[in-house]
Amino acid sequence: MSDRIPSGTRDVLPDEMRELRAMTGRIREVFEAAGYGEIYTPALEYERTFETVASLRPAYRLFDEHGHTLVLRSDMTVPIARVVGNRYATAPTPLRFSYLAHAYRGVLPQRGQARELLQAGVELVGAPGAEGTAEALTVLCDALDAAGLENYRVGLGDVLLYPTLLRSLGVDPDRAERILALLAGGDFVGVETELASASLSDADAELLLRVSRTRGGPEVLDGLDGPLHDAGTDMRAVLERLTPRTAQRVIFDFGLVRSIGYYTGAVFQVYDPAYGVPLGSGGRYDDLLARFGRPLPAVGFALNVERLHIALTGEERGRG
C-alpha cells in the first residue's frame, strides 16, 4: 500500500502543474481586476460550522487534542460566510472575495469522482437580486474567457422554480425530494419514471416533464404563467443587466436544481462540449449569512480547475 494513493486523488506532475498555474494565474488576474480580494481559510474547520447546512455534511472527520470534532471543508462558501460574520461584522458592503483552494468530498470510487478538488471562485456578499447575480455571471464569463475556453455556455435557472411547481401540483413531499435529487443528477429518465407513477393528471405530469427539459435562449421566457412567470421575470431581470458579450453565453434552464441546500434563487452551471460534466456552478444564497450573525444577500460560484483544464485541452486539440 505504500506506493498507492487514496481513490479520488492524484499526483500532478510538473508539465501539467505549469499549465495549471498559467491558467489559474489568468483567472486570478480577472478576479483581482474586478475587485475581488483573495482569501485563504483553513482546510480544517469545526464540524459545527458546516452543521448550519444539513445537505452539505463533510465526508472527513477527525478529533483534535481537546476532543473537538474537526472536518475537512467540503466547499469555500460556508467558511467565507463564517469569516464575514466573525471578521467583517460591521464592514460596509458589498464585500468581494476570491479564492483558489482545495475542497474535499466523499466519493463513489466506481464513478471516478474526485475526493480532493481544486476550486477557483468568488463570493459577492451584500449585493442583492438581479444586479448582484449579473455581476457574478460577468466575472464568471470573464474568468472562463481568460482561461482560454471558447465554446462554453452558462445555464441559468432558479432553484425554487421546480420545487414550487411540484408543491403547487400536490406532489407528495417524499416523491418530490426523489425527483429533485434525480434532476440534480441529470437523470431525466428517472424523473419521467417518478412522474409516471405519481398521482397526477396526464396534463400535470406532461407539464412537469416539459419544464424539466426546457432550456434555450430568451425566447423560453415568453408567455409564462404561475411559478414559471415569477422565475422567468427574475431571469429576464438578470439578462437585462448583462452586456451582450456575457448574455450570448447564457442559456436558460428551467430544470436546473442544486443538491446543496443553501441556494435561494438564481443558480447556474458551466458547460462545455469538450467535457461531459459541468465545469463549475454557483448561485444566490441569501439566507446563509444570517446563520453566522450577519444577514446579507450573497451570490458566488466555484470552478473545478481540473475539469476546466481538461476542457481547455480538449478544445485546443479540436482546434489543432
Foldseek 3Di string as FASTA:
>chain_A
DVPDDDQQDDDDDDVVVVLLCQLVVLLVVLLVVLPAAEDDDDQKDFQVLVVLFVLQRADDWDADPVRTIIGGAQDCPSVVLLCCLPPVVPPDDFHKHWYWDKHAHDDDRVVRHHRIFTKTKMKTWFDDALQQVLSQLVSVVSSLVSSPDDFKAKEKEWQVLLVVLCVVQPWDPVLSVVLLVCLQVVNLVVNLVSLVPTPGDPVSSVVSSVLLADKAALVSLPPDDDSSVVGSVRVVSNLVNHDPVSNVRYMYGSNHHHSGPQAGTMKMFMDGPLDDDTQKIWHKRQASSVVSPHRITMIMMMGGSVRSVSSSVSVVVVVD
